[in-house]
N, C-alpha and C. Protein backbone atom coordinates (compact mmCIF):
# COMPACT_ATOMS: atom_id res chain seq x y z
N MET A 1 76.17 97.28 104.70
CA MET A 1 75.43 98.49 104.32
C MET A 1 76.40 99.54 103.79
N THR A 2 76.08 100.13 102.65
CA THR A 2 76.94 101.15 102.05
C THR A 2 76.58 102.52 102.61
N ARG A 3 77.57 103.22 103.14
CA ARG A 3 77.37 104.56 103.66
C ARG A 3 77.95 105.55 102.66
N ASN A 4 77.11 106.20 101.88
CA ASN A 4 77.57 107.12 100.85
C ASN A 4 77.39 108.56 101.30
N THR A 5 78.25 109.42 100.82
CA THR A 5 78.12 110.85 101.04
C THR A 5 77.00 111.36 100.14
N PRO A 6 76.54 112.60 100.34
CA PRO A 6 75.48 113.13 99.48
C PRO A 6 75.81 113.07 98.00
N ALA A 7 77.11 113.16 97.64
CA ALA A 7 77.49 113.13 96.23
C ALA A 7 77.54 111.71 95.67
N GLY A 8 77.22 110.70 96.52
CA GLY A 8 77.23 109.33 96.05
C GLY A 8 78.56 108.64 96.23
N ARG A 9 79.51 109.30 96.86
CA ARG A 9 80.82 108.68 97.11
C ARG A 9 80.82 107.99 98.47
N PRO A 10 81.60 106.92 98.62
CA PRO A 10 81.69 106.27 99.93
C PRO A 10 82.34 107.22 100.93
N ASP A 11 81.94 107.11 102.20
CA ASP A 11 82.54 107.99 103.19
C ASP A 11 83.91 107.46 103.61
N THR A 12 84.61 108.25 104.40
CA THR A 12 85.99 107.92 104.77
C THR A 12 86.08 106.61 105.53
N LEU A 13 85.13 106.36 106.43
CA LEU A 13 85.16 105.13 107.22
C LEU A 13 85.01 103.91 106.32
N GLU A 14 84.09 103.98 105.37
CA GLU A 14 83.88 102.83 104.49
C GLU A 14 85.09 102.59 103.59
N LEU A 15 85.68 103.68 103.08
CA LEU A 15 86.89 103.53 102.28
C LEU A 15 87.98 102.85 103.08
N THR A 16 88.14 103.26 104.34
CA THR A 16 89.17 102.67 105.21
C THR A 16 88.92 101.19 105.44
N GLU A 17 87.69 100.85 105.77
CA GLU A 17 87.34 99.45 106.04
C GLU A 17 87.61 98.57 104.83
N LEU A 18 87.17 99.03 103.67
CA LEU A 18 87.30 98.21 102.47
C LEU A 18 88.73 98.14 101.97
N LEU A 19 89.48 99.24 102.09
CA LEU A 19 90.89 99.20 101.70
C LEU A 19 91.67 98.23 102.57
N LEU A 20 91.40 98.23 103.87
CA LEU A 20 92.08 97.30 104.77
C LEU A 20 91.71 95.86 104.45
N THR A 21 90.43 95.64 104.13
CA THR A 21 89.99 94.30 103.75
C THR A 21 90.70 93.84 102.48
N ARG A 22 90.79 94.73 101.50
CA ARG A 22 91.45 94.40 100.24
C ARG A 22 92.94 94.14 100.47
N PHE A 23 93.57 94.99 101.28
CA PHE A 23 94.99 94.82 101.58
C PHE A 23 95.24 93.45 102.21
N CYS A 24 94.46 93.10 103.24
CA CYS A 24 94.65 91.81 103.91
C CYS A 24 94.44 90.64 102.95
N HIS A 25 93.45 90.78 102.08
CA HIS A 25 93.17 89.71 101.11
C HIS A 25 94.35 89.51 100.17
N ASP A 26 94.90 90.62 99.65
CA ASP A 26 95.98 90.53 98.67
C ASP A 26 97.30 90.06 99.28
N ILE A 27 97.49 90.36 100.55
CA ILE A 27 98.74 89.98 101.21
C ILE A 27 98.68 88.56 101.76
N SER A 28 97.48 88.10 102.13
CA SER A 28 97.35 86.81 102.81
C SER A 28 97.80 85.63 101.95
N GLY A 29 97.62 85.73 100.62
CA GLY A 29 98.01 84.61 99.75
C GLY A 29 99.48 84.26 99.83
N PRO A 30 100.38 85.20 99.46
CA PRO A 30 101.80 84.87 99.51
C PRO A 30 102.33 84.66 100.93
N VAL A 31 101.75 85.35 101.92
CA VAL A 31 102.19 85.14 103.31
C VAL A 31 101.83 83.74 103.77
N SER A 32 100.63 83.29 103.41
CA SER A 32 100.22 81.92 103.76
C SER A 32 101.11 80.89 103.07
N ALA A 33 101.52 81.20 101.83
CA ALA A 33 102.40 80.28 101.10
C ALA A 33 103.75 80.14 101.80
N VAL A 34 104.25 81.24 102.35
CA VAL A 34 105.52 81.19 103.11
C VAL A 34 105.33 80.32 104.35
N SER A 35 104.24 80.55 105.07
CA SER A 35 103.96 79.78 106.28
C SER A 35 103.81 78.29 105.97
N ASN A 36 103.06 77.98 104.93
CA ASN A 36 102.87 76.58 104.55
C ASN A 36 104.19 75.95 104.11
N GLY A 37 105.01 76.74 103.42
CA GLY A 37 106.30 76.24 102.98
C GLY A 37 107.22 75.90 104.15
N MET A 38 107.20 76.75 105.17
CA MET A 38 108.02 76.49 106.36
C MET A 38 107.57 75.22 107.06
N GLU A 39 106.24 75.02 107.16
CA GLU A 39 105.72 73.80 107.78
C GLU A 39 106.09 72.57 106.96
N LEU A 40 105.98 72.71 105.65
CA LEU A 40 106.32 71.59 104.77
C LEU A 40 107.80 71.26 104.85
N LEU A 41 108.62 72.29 104.93
CA LEU A 41 110.07 72.09 105.04
C LEU A 41 110.41 71.35 106.33
N ASP A 42 109.67 71.66 107.39
CA ASP A 42 109.88 71.02 108.69
C ASP A 42 109.60 69.52 108.61
N SER A 43 108.61 69.15 107.81
CA SER A 43 108.20 67.75 107.75
C SER A 43 108.85 66.98 106.60
N THR A 44 109.67 67.66 105.81
CA THR A 44 110.30 67.02 104.66
C THR A 44 111.60 66.33 105.07
N ASP A 45 111.79 65.16 104.53
CA ASP A 45 113.04 64.41 104.78
C ASP A 45 114.21 65.22 104.24
N ALA A 46 115.17 65.54 105.09
CA ALA A 46 116.31 66.36 104.70
C ALA A 46 117.13 65.70 103.59
N ASN A 47 117.01 64.38 103.45
CA ASN A 47 117.76 63.67 102.41
C ASN A 47 117.07 63.74 101.05
N ASP A 48 115.84 64.18 101.05
CA ASP A 48 115.10 64.32 99.78
C ASP A 48 115.45 65.70 99.19
N GLU A 49 116.56 65.76 98.52
CA GLU A 49 117.10 67.04 98.05
C GLU A 49 116.17 67.75 97.06
N ASP A 50 115.54 66.99 96.20
CA ASP A 50 114.64 67.60 95.22
C ASP A 50 113.46 68.28 95.90
N MET A 51 112.88 67.57 96.87
CA MET A 51 111.73 68.12 97.58
C MET A 51 112.13 69.34 98.40
N VAL A 52 113.25 69.27 99.05
CA VAL A 52 113.75 70.39 99.84
C VAL A 52 113.97 71.62 98.95
N ALA A 53 114.55 71.39 97.78
CA ALA A 53 114.81 72.49 96.85
C ALA A 53 113.50 73.13 96.37
N GLN A 54 112.49 72.30 96.09
CA GLN A 54 111.20 72.83 95.63
C GLN A 54 110.53 73.67 96.71
N VAL A 55 110.59 73.18 97.95
CA VAL A 55 109.97 73.91 99.06
C VAL A 55 110.70 75.22 99.30
N GLN A 56 112.02 75.18 99.25
CA GLN A 56 112.81 76.40 99.44
C GLN A 56 112.52 77.42 98.35
N GLU A 57 112.34 76.94 97.14
CA GLU A 57 112.00 77.85 96.02
C GLU A 57 110.64 78.50 96.26
N LEU A 58 109.68 77.72 96.77
CA LEU A 58 108.35 78.24 97.08
C LEU A 58 108.45 79.34 98.14
N ILE A 59 109.24 79.09 99.17
CA ILE A 59 109.38 80.06 100.26
C ILE A 59 110.02 81.35 99.75
N VAL A 60 111.07 81.21 98.95
CA VAL A 60 111.77 82.39 98.43
C VAL A 60 110.87 83.21 97.51
N SER A 61 110.17 82.54 96.57
CA SER A 61 109.33 83.26 95.62
C SER A 61 108.14 83.92 96.32
N SER A 62 107.56 83.23 97.30
CA SER A 62 106.41 83.79 98.03
C SER A 62 106.84 84.95 98.92
N SER A 63 108.03 84.85 99.50
CA SER A 63 108.56 85.96 100.32
C SER A 63 108.78 87.19 99.45
N ALA A 64 109.35 86.97 98.26
CA ALA A 64 109.59 88.09 97.34
C ALA A 64 108.28 88.72 96.90
N GLU A 65 107.27 87.89 96.65
CA GLU A 65 105.98 88.41 96.23
C GLU A 65 105.32 89.21 97.35
N SER A 66 105.41 88.71 98.58
CA SER A 66 104.86 89.43 99.73
C SER A 66 105.51 90.79 99.88
N PHE A 67 106.84 90.82 99.78
CA PHE A 67 107.57 92.06 99.95
C PHE A 67 107.24 93.07 98.84
N ALA A 68 107.13 92.56 97.61
CA ALA A 68 106.80 93.44 96.48
C ALA A 68 105.41 94.05 96.64
N ARG A 69 104.46 93.26 97.11
CA ARG A 69 103.11 93.79 97.32
C ARG A 69 103.11 94.82 98.45
N LEU A 70 103.81 94.53 99.53
CA LEU A 70 103.87 95.48 100.65
C LEU A 70 104.48 96.81 100.21
N GLN A 71 105.57 96.75 99.45
CA GLN A 71 106.20 97.98 98.98
C GLN A 71 105.28 98.78 98.06
N THR A 72 104.60 98.06 97.16
CA THR A 72 103.72 98.74 96.21
C THR A 72 102.54 99.37 96.93
N TYR A 73 101.91 98.63 97.85
CA TYR A 73 100.75 99.16 98.57
C TYR A 73 101.15 100.28 99.52
N ARG A 74 102.37 100.23 100.00
CA ARG A 74 102.86 101.31 100.86
C ARG A 74 102.90 102.63 100.08
N ILE A 75 103.34 102.55 98.82
CA ILE A 75 103.36 103.75 97.98
C ILE A 75 101.94 104.16 97.59
N ALA A 76 101.13 103.18 97.17
CA ALA A 76 99.79 103.48 96.65
C ALA A 76 98.83 103.98 97.73
N PHE A 77 98.89 103.37 98.92
CA PHE A 77 97.88 103.66 99.93
C PHE A 77 98.44 104.29 101.21
N GLY A 78 99.75 104.28 101.37
CA GLY A 78 100.33 104.82 102.59
C GLY A 78 100.57 106.31 102.51
N ARG A 79 100.79 106.91 103.67
CA ARG A 79 101.06 108.34 103.71
C ARG A 79 102.51 108.54 104.14
N ILE A 80 103.41 108.47 103.17
CA ILE A 80 104.83 108.61 103.44
C ILE A 80 105.43 109.66 102.51
N ASN A 81 106.28 110.48 103.04
CA ASN A 81 106.97 111.49 102.22
C ASN A 81 105.99 112.24 101.32
N THR A 82 104.92 112.78 101.91
CA THR A 82 103.90 113.43 101.09
C THR A 82 104.40 114.74 100.49
N GLU A 83 105.40 115.32 101.08
CA GLU A 83 105.95 116.55 100.54
C GLU A 83 107.15 116.25 99.64
N GLY A 84 107.43 117.15 98.72
CA GLY A 84 108.62 117.00 97.87
C GLY A 84 108.41 116.04 96.74
N ASP A 85 109.52 115.55 96.18
CA ASP A 85 109.44 114.65 95.04
C ASP A 85 110.49 113.56 95.15
N SER A 86 110.38 112.58 94.26
CA SER A 86 111.26 111.41 94.26
C SER A 86 111.69 111.08 92.85
N ASN A 87 112.78 110.35 92.73
CA ASN A 87 113.21 109.85 91.43
C ASN A 87 112.38 108.62 91.07
N LEU A 88 112.02 108.50 89.83
CA LEU A 88 111.16 107.40 89.41
C LEU A 88 111.88 106.07 89.29
N ASP A 89 113.21 106.07 89.38
CA ASP A 89 113.94 104.80 89.24
C ASP A 89 113.51 103.80 90.32
N GLU A 90 113.46 104.26 91.58
CA GLU A 90 113.07 103.38 92.67
C GLU A 90 111.62 102.93 92.51
N PHE A 91 110.76 103.88 92.15
CA PHE A 91 109.35 103.57 91.92
C PHE A 91 109.20 102.52 90.82
N ARG A 92 109.93 102.71 89.75
CA ARG A 92 109.89 101.76 88.63
C ARG A 92 110.31 100.37 89.09
N ASP A 93 111.39 100.28 89.86
CA ASP A 93 111.90 98.98 90.31
C ASP A 93 110.89 98.26 91.20
N ILE A 94 110.24 99.01 92.09
CA ILE A 94 109.24 98.40 92.97
C ILE A 94 108.08 97.84 92.17
N LEU A 95 107.58 98.61 91.20
CA LEU A 95 106.46 98.14 90.38
C LEU A 95 106.86 96.97 89.49
N GLN A 96 108.12 96.99 89.00
CA GLN A 96 108.59 95.85 88.20
C GLN A 96 108.57 94.57 89.02
N ARG A 97 108.98 94.66 90.28
CA ARG A 97 108.98 93.47 91.15
C ARG A 97 107.56 93.02 91.45
N TYR A 98 106.64 93.98 91.53
CA TYR A 98 105.24 93.64 91.80
C TYR A 98 104.67 92.73 90.71
N PHE A 99 105.03 93.03 89.46
CA PHE A 99 104.48 92.26 88.33
C PHE A 99 105.39 91.12 87.89
N LEU A 100 106.50 90.93 88.57
CA LEU A 100 107.51 89.98 88.11
C LEU A 100 106.99 88.56 87.94
N GLN A 101 106.14 88.11 88.86
CA GLN A 101 105.67 86.72 88.82
C GLN A 101 104.29 86.57 88.19
N GLY A 102 103.79 87.63 87.59
CA GLY A 102 102.47 87.57 86.97
C GLY A 102 102.51 87.50 85.47
N LYS A 103 101.38 87.78 84.85
CA LYS A 103 101.24 87.69 83.39
C LYS A 103 101.31 89.04 82.71
N ILE A 104 101.59 90.08 83.49
CA ILE A 104 101.63 91.43 82.93
C ILE A 104 103.06 91.93 82.82
N GLU A 105 103.37 92.47 81.66
CA GLU A 105 104.69 93.06 81.43
C GLU A 105 104.57 94.58 81.54
N LEU A 106 105.43 95.17 82.38
CA LEU A 106 105.38 96.61 82.60
C LEU A 106 106.51 97.28 81.85
N GLU A 107 106.15 98.26 81.02
CA GLU A 107 107.14 98.98 80.21
C GLU A 107 107.08 100.47 80.53
N TRP A 108 108.21 101.13 80.38
CA TRP A 108 108.32 102.56 80.69
C TRP A 108 108.74 103.28 79.42
N GLY A 109 107.82 104.05 78.85
CA GLY A 109 108.06 104.67 77.56
C GLY A 109 109.00 105.85 77.61
N ASP A 110 109.68 106.10 76.52
CA ASP A 110 110.55 107.26 76.36
C ASP A 110 109.89 108.23 75.38
N GLY A 111 109.23 109.22 75.91
CA GLY A 111 108.62 110.25 75.09
C GLY A 111 109.47 111.50 75.16
N PRO A 112 108.88 112.68 74.91
CA PRO A 112 109.61 113.94 75.04
C PRO A 112 110.22 114.11 76.43
N VAL A 113 109.56 113.51 77.46
CA VAL A 113 110.13 113.49 78.81
C VAL A 113 110.56 112.06 79.08
N LYS A 114 111.85 111.85 79.28
CA LYS A 114 112.33 110.50 79.52
C LYS A 114 111.96 110.10 80.94
N ILE A 115 111.01 109.17 81.05
CA ILE A 115 110.40 108.90 82.33
C ILE A 115 111.36 108.30 83.35
N LEU A 116 112.39 107.60 82.91
CA LEU A 116 113.29 106.96 83.87
C LEU A 116 114.16 107.97 84.60
N ASN A 117 114.36 109.15 84.06
CA ASN A 117 115.19 110.15 84.71
C ASN A 117 114.35 111.27 85.33
N LEU A 118 113.06 111.07 85.39
CA LEU A 118 112.16 112.13 85.83
C LEU A 118 112.00 112.11 87.34
N ARG A 119 111.93 113.30 87.93
CA ARG A 119 111.55 113.42 89.33
C ARG A 119 110.08 113.77 89.37
N ILE A 120 109.37 113.14 90.29
CA ILE A 120 107.92 113.24 90.31
C ILE A 120 107.44 113.59 91.71
N ASN A 121 106.44 114.45 91.78
CA ASN A 121 105.83 114.80 93.05
C ASN A 121 105.35 113.53 93.76
N ASN A 122 105.58 113.45 95.07
CA ASN A 122 105.25 112.23 95.79
C ASN A 122 103.76 111.91 95.80
N GLN A 123 102.92 112.93 95.77
CA GLN A 123 101.49 112.68 95.69
C GLN A 123 101.11 112.12 94.32
N VAL A 124 101.75 112.64 93.28
CA VAL A 124 101.51 112.12 91.94
C VAL A 124 102.00 110.68 91.84
N ARG A 125 103.09 110.39 92.52
CA ARG A 125 103.61 109.01 92.54
C ARG A 125 102.58 108.05 93.12
N ARG A 126 101.91 108.47 94.18
CA ARG A 126 100.86 107.63 94.77
C ARG A 126 99.74 107.39 93.76
N ILE A 127 99.33 108.44 93.07
CA ILE A 127 98.26 108.30 92.09
C ILE A 127 98.73 107.43 90.92
N ALA A 128 99.98 107.59 90.51
CA ALA A 128 100.52 106.77 89.42
C ALA A 128 100.48 105.29 89.77
N ALA A 129 100.84 104.96 91.02
CA ALA A 129 100.79 103.56 91.46
C ALA A 129 99.37 103.02 91.38
N ASN A 130 98.40 103.83 91.82
CA ASN A 130 97.00 103.41 91.77
C ASN A 130 96.52 103.28 90.33
N MET A 131 96.99 104.16 89.44
CA MET A 131 96.61 104.07 88.04
C MET A 131 97.12 102.77 87.42
N ILE A 132 98.35 102.42 87.72
CA ILE A 132 98.94 101.19 87.18
C ILE A 132 98.18 99.97 87.69
N LEU A 133 97.85 99.96 89.00
CA LEU A 133 97.10 98.84 89.57
C LEU A 133 95.69 98.77 88.97
N ALA A 134 95.09 99.93 88.70
CA ALA A 134 93.74 99.95 88.12
C ALA A 134 93.74 99.36 86.72
N VAL A 135 94.71 99.76 85.91
CA VAL A 135 94.80 99.22 84.55
C VAL A 135 95.09 97.72 84.59
N ALA A 136 95.95 97.30 85.51
CA ALA A 136 96.27 95.87 85.64
C ALA A 136 95.02 95.05 85.94
N ALA A 137 94.11 95.62 86.72
CA ALA A 137 92.88 94.91 87.07
C ALA A 137 92.00 94.65 85.85
N LEU A 138 92.20 95.42 84.80
CA LEU A 138 91.42 95.23 83.56
C LEU A 138 92.11 94.28 82.58
N LEU A 139 93.24 93.73 83.00
CA LEU A 139 93.98 92.77 82.16
C LEU A 139 94.09 91.44 82.90
N PRO A 140 92.97 90.78 83.22
CA PRO A 140 93.00 89.56 84.03
C PRO A 140 93.73 88.40 83.38
N PHE A 141 93.87 88.44 82.06
CA PHE A 141 94.55 87.35 81.35
C PHE A 141 95.96 87.75 80.92
N GLY A 142 96.45 88.85 81.49
CA GLY A 142 97.80 89.30 81.16
C GLY A 142 97.79 90.32 80.04
N GLY A 143 98.97 90.85 79.77
CA GLY A 143 99.11 91.85 78.73
C GLY A 143 100.30 92.74 79.00
N VAL A 144 100.28 93.91 78.41
CA VAL A 144 101.38 94.87 78.54
C VAL A 144 100.83 96.19 79.07
N ILE A 145 101.52 96.75 80.05
CA ILE A 145 101.19 98.08 80.55
C ILE A 145 102.36 99.00 80.25
N GLU A 146 102.08 100.11 79.58
CA GLU A 146 103.13 101.09 79.28
C GLU A 146 102.84 102.39 80.01
N VAL A 147 103.85 102.87 80.73
CA VAL A 147 103.74 104.14 81.46
C VAL A 147 104.61 105.17 80.75
N SER A 148 104.01 106.31 80.44
CA SER A 148 104.77 107.36 79.74
C SER A 148 104.31 108.72 80.24
N GLN A 149 105.11 109.73 79.92
CA GLN A 149 104.76 111.08 80.34
C GLN A 149 105.14 112.09 79.26
N ASP A 150 104.32 113.13 79.17
CA ASP A 150 104.54 114.20 78.20
C ASP A 150 104.20 115.53 78.86
N ILE A 151 104.60 116.61 78.23
CA ILE A 151 104.26 117.96 78.68
C ILE A 151 103.62 118.70 77.52
N ASP A 152 102.45 119.33 77.78
CA ASP A 152 101.76 120.01 76.70
C ASP A 152 102.23 121.47 76.58
N THR A 153 101.64 122.19 75.65
CA THR A 153 102.07 123.57 75.38
C THR A 153 101.78 124.52 76.53
N GLN A 154 100.89 124.11 77.45
CA GLN A 154 100.59 124.92 78.62
C GLN A 154 101.41 124.50 79.83
N HIS A 155 102.44 123.65 79.55
CA HIS A 155 103.37 123.17 80.58
C HIS A 155 102.69 122.28 81.63
N ARG A 156 101.57 121.66 81.23
CA ARG A 156 100.94 120.68 82.10
C ARG A 156 101.54 119.31 81.79
N LYS A 157 101.69 118.50 82.81
CA LYS A 157 102.23 117.16 82.63
C LYS A 157 101.09 116.16 82.44
N HIS A 158 101.31 115.25 81.49
CA HIS A 158 100.33 114.20 81.19
C HIS A 158 100.98 112.85 81.49
N LEU A 159 100.51 112.20 82.53
CA LEU A 159 100.99 110.86 82.86
C LEU A 159 100.00 109.85 82.30
N GLN A 160 100.49 108.96 81.43
CA GLN A 160 99.62 108.00 80.76
C GLN A 160 99.97 106.57 81.15
N VAL A 161 98.94 105.78 81.43
CA VAL A 161 99.10 104.36 81.70
C VAL A 161 98.20 103.63 80.73
N VAL A 162 98.82 102.91 79.80
CA VAL A 162 98.08 102.22 78.73
C VAL A 162 98.22 100.72 78.91
N GLY A 163 97.09 100.04 78.93
CA GLY A 163 97.09 98.58 79.01
C GLY A 163 96.62 97.97 77.71
N SER A 164 97.36 96.96 77.23
CA SER A 164 97.01 96.30 75.98
C SER A 164 96.95 94.80 76.18
N SER A 165 95.94 94.18 75.60
CA SER A 165 95.79 92.73 75.70
C SER A 165 94.75 92.28 74.68
N SER A 166 94.82 91.02 74.31
CA SER A 166 93.82 90.47 73.39
C SER A 166 92.48 90.28 74.10
N ARG A 167 92.51 90.28 75.45
CA ARG A 167 91.28 90.13 76.23
C ARG A 167 91.29 91.17 77.35
N VAL A 168 90.58 92.26 77.12
CA VAL A 168 90.53 93.37 78.08
C VAL A 168 89.17 93.38 78.76
N LYS A 169 89.17 93.49 80.07
CA LYS A 169 87.93 93.57 80.84
C LYS A 169 87.29 94.95 80.67
N SER A 170 85.99 95.01 80.68
CA SER A 170 85.27 96.28 80.54
C SER A 170 85.67 97.25 81.66
N GLY A 171 85.90 98.50 81.27
CA GLY A 171 86.26 99.52 82.24
C GLY A 171 85.11 100.45 82.56
N GLU A 172 83.88 99.98 82.39
CA GLU A 172 82.71 100.83 82.60
C GLU A 172 82.65 101.37 84.03
N GLU A 173 82.90 100.49 85.01
CA GLU A 173 82.87 100.93 86.41
C GLU A 173 83.98 101.94 86.69
N LEU A 174 85.18 101.63 86.23
CA LEU A 174 86.30 102.53 86.44
C LEU A 174 86.03 103.89 85.82
N SER A 175 85.47 103.91 84.63
CA SER A 175 85.16 105.16 83.95
C SER A 175 84.17 105.99 84.76
N ALA A 176 83.12 105.34 85.27
CA ALA A 176 82.11 106.06 86.06
C ALA A 176 82.71 106.63 87.34
N ILE A 177 83.63 105.88 87.94
CA ILE A 177 84.23 106.33 89.20
C ILE A 177 85.13 107.54 88.98
N VAL A 178 85.99 107.49 87.96
CA VAL A 178 86.89 108.63 87.75
C VAL A 178 86.15 109.85 87.24
N ARG A 179 85.01 109.64 86.57
CA ARG A 179 84.20 110.77 86.10
C ARG A 179 83.26 111.28 87.19
N ASP A 180 83.21 110.57 88.33
CA ASP A 180 82.38 110.97 89.47
C ASP A 180 80.92 111.07 89.08
N LYS A 181 80.45 110.07 88.31
CA LYS A 181 79.08 110.10 87.82
C LYS A 181 78.10 109.40 88.75
N GLY A 182 78.62 108.69 89.75
CA GLY A 182 77.73 107.97 90.65
C GLY A 182 77.20 106.69 90.01
N GLY A 183 76.33 105.99 90.74
CA GLY A 183 75.72 104.78 90.21
C GLY A 183 76.55 103.53 90.39
N VAL A 184 77.74 103.64 91.01
CA VAL A 184 78.59 102.47 91.25
C VAL A 184 78.71 102.28 92.76
N GLU A 185 78.35 101.11 93.24
CA GLU A 185 78.45 100.83 94.67
C GLU A 185 79.85 100.35 95.00
N VAL A 186 80.45 100.93 96.00
CA VAL A 186 81.81 100.57 96.38
C VAL A 186 81.84 99.17 96.97
N ASP A 187 82.87 98.40 96.61
CA ASP A 187 83.07 97.06 97.18
C ASP A 187 84.56 96.79 97.27
N VAL A 188 84.91 95.59 97.70
CA VAL A 188 86.32 95.26 97.92
C VAL A 188 87.12 95.29 96.63
N LYS A 189 86.48 94.98 95.50
CA LYS A 189 87.20 94.95 94.23
C LYS A 189 87.48 96.33 93.68
N ASN A 190 86.50 97.24 93.78
CA ASN A 190 86.70 98.54 93.15
C ASN A 190 87.11 99.65 94.11
N VAL A 191 87.26 99.33 95.40
CA VAL A 191 87.59 100.38 96.37
C VAL A 191 88.90 101.11 96.04
N PRO A 192 89.94 100.44 95.49
CA PRO A 192 91.14 101.21 95.14
C PRO A 192 90.87 102.28 94.08
N TRP A 193 89.89 102.05 93.22
CA TRP A 193 89.55 103.05 92.18
C TRP A 193 88.90 104.27 92.82
N PHE A 194 88.02 104.03 93.80
CA PHE A 194 87.41 105.16 94.52
C PHE A 194 88.50 105.95 95.26
N TYR A 195 89.41 105.22 95.88
CA TYR A 195 90.50 105.89 96.61
C TYR A 195 91.35 106.74 95.66
N MET A 196 91.71 106.18 94.50
CA MET A 196 92.50 106.90 93.50
C MET A 196 91.78 108.18 93.06
N ALA A 197 90.48 108.07 92.79
CA ALA A 197 89.70 109.23 92.33
C ALA A 197 89.64 110.31 93.41
N GLU A 198 89.42 109.90 94.66
CA GLU A 198 89.36 110.87 95.76
C GLU A 198 90.72 111.53 95.96
N LEU A 199 91.78 110.75 95.86
CA LEU A 199 93.14 111.28 96.03
C LEU A 199 93.44 112.31 94.94
N ALA A 200 93.06 111.98 93.71
CA ALA A 200 93.31 112.90 92.59
C ALA A 200 92.52 114.20 92.77
N ARG A 201 91.25 114.08 93.13
CA ARG A 201 90.44 115.28 93.33
C ARG A 201 91.01 116.15 94.43
N GLY A 202 91.50 115.52 95.50
CA GLY A 202 92.04 116.26 96.62
C GLY A 202 93.29 117.05 96.28
N HIS A 203 93.97 116.66 95.20
CA HIS A 203 95.20 117.34 94.81
C HIS A 203 95.07 118.06 93.48
N GLY A 204 93.83 118.24 93.03
CA GLY A 204 93.60 119.00 91.80
C GLY A 204 94.13 118.34 90.55
N ILE A 205 94.17 117.01 90.55
CA ILE A 205 94.66 116.26 89.39
C ILE A 205 93.49 115.67 88.63
N ASP A 206 93.45 115.90 87.35
CA ASP A 206 92.36 115.44 86.51
C ASP A 206 92.70 114.08 85.91
N ILE A 207 91.88 113.07 86.19
CA ILE A 207 92.08 111.73 85.64
C ILE A 207 90.97 111.42 84.65
N THR A 208 91.36 110.91 83.49
CA THR A 208 90.39 110.50 82.48
C THR A 208 90.65 109.05 82.09
N PHE A 209 89.60 108.41 81.58
CA PHE A 209 89.70 107.01 81.19
C PHE A 209 89.13 106.83 79.79
N ALA A 210 89.79 106.00 78.99
CA ALA A 210 89.29 105.67 77.65
C ALA A 210 89.58 104.21 77.38
N GLU A 211 88.75 103.59 76.54
CA GLU A 211 88.98 102.19 76.20
C GLU A 211 88.59 101.90 74.77
N GLU A 212 89.32 100.95 74.20
CA GLU A 212 89.02 100.42 72.89
C GLU A 212 88.93 98.91 73.03
N LYS A 213 88.86 98.20 71.91
CA LYS A 213 88.65 96.76 71.96
C LYS A 213 89.78 96.04 72.71
N GLU A 214 91.01 96.38 72.43
CA GLU A 214 92.15 95.68 73.05
C GLU A 214 93.08 96.64 73.78
N ARG A 215 92.52 97.75 74.26
CA ARG A 215 93.37 98.79 74.84
C ARG A 215 92.58 99.63 75.83
N VAL A 216 93.18 99.92 76.98
CA VAL A 216 92.58 100.83 77.96
C VAL A 216 93.62 101.88 78.33
N LEU A 217 93.14 103.07 78.67
CA LEU A 217 94.04 104.19 78.95
C LEU A 217 93.55 105.00 80.13
N LEU A 218 94.44 105.23 81.10
CA LEU A 218 94.21 106.18 82.17
C LEU A 218 95.20 107.31 82.00
N ARG A 219 94.72 108.55 82.07
CA ARG A 219 95.61 109.71 81.94
C ARG A 219 95.38 110.67 83.11
N ALA A 220 96.47 111.11 83.71
CA ALA A 220 96.41 112.13 84.77
C ALA A 220 97.07 113.38 84.26
N VAL A 221 96.39 114.52 84.41
CA VAL A 221 96.93 115.80 83.98
C VAL A 221 97.12 116.68 85.19
N TYR A 222 98.32 117.21 85.34
CA TYR A 222 98.63 118.03 86.52
C TYR A 222 99.73 119.03 86.17
N THR A 223 99.93 119.98 87.05
CA THR A 223 100.96 121.02 86.82
C THR A 223 102.17 120.79 87.71
């Protein structure tokens, strides 16, 4: 049963339940692969060097994937270092590792503000992580995600996450959620988008969404 607030948004309890469900689902795959690999290694003939090497490779790659997901979700959904700001180099490295074994290439654009040397508010960093994950969800067959930042004449910062692919999934649900138009029922797949929108509203950050045939764009504007 969906418990919505009067404005049509899921309540805090439902967001928590679904985020935890989504987190466990996303983490269970690589963690199970590590566990299965250890069991397989136990039963593998130590003299079968090829098989041992394959199993060890599985364990190493699955461990790396688990760690990358944990680090990314810690930034996106955790409440750590909420005050102050951080250098984007570490953030960039964590997100690069998250996509390392997938079909999505993550790029960091150099605009008027060179994003690799930028310090960013920690709350904005959380929203940026959610924006990147949201755009990635619309590229199920892979593609390129470019993150860039600019400053307008009113000294507002524009953080842009652009996804490009020959096959882009419709962003109709995401658009409705960030525009707070209602009509979208929260579930395990879209709950991170609801969380991102609530987080942005809570910090006075305006998020907009646009899409074309082979391109989707999320933009956050803040001071």
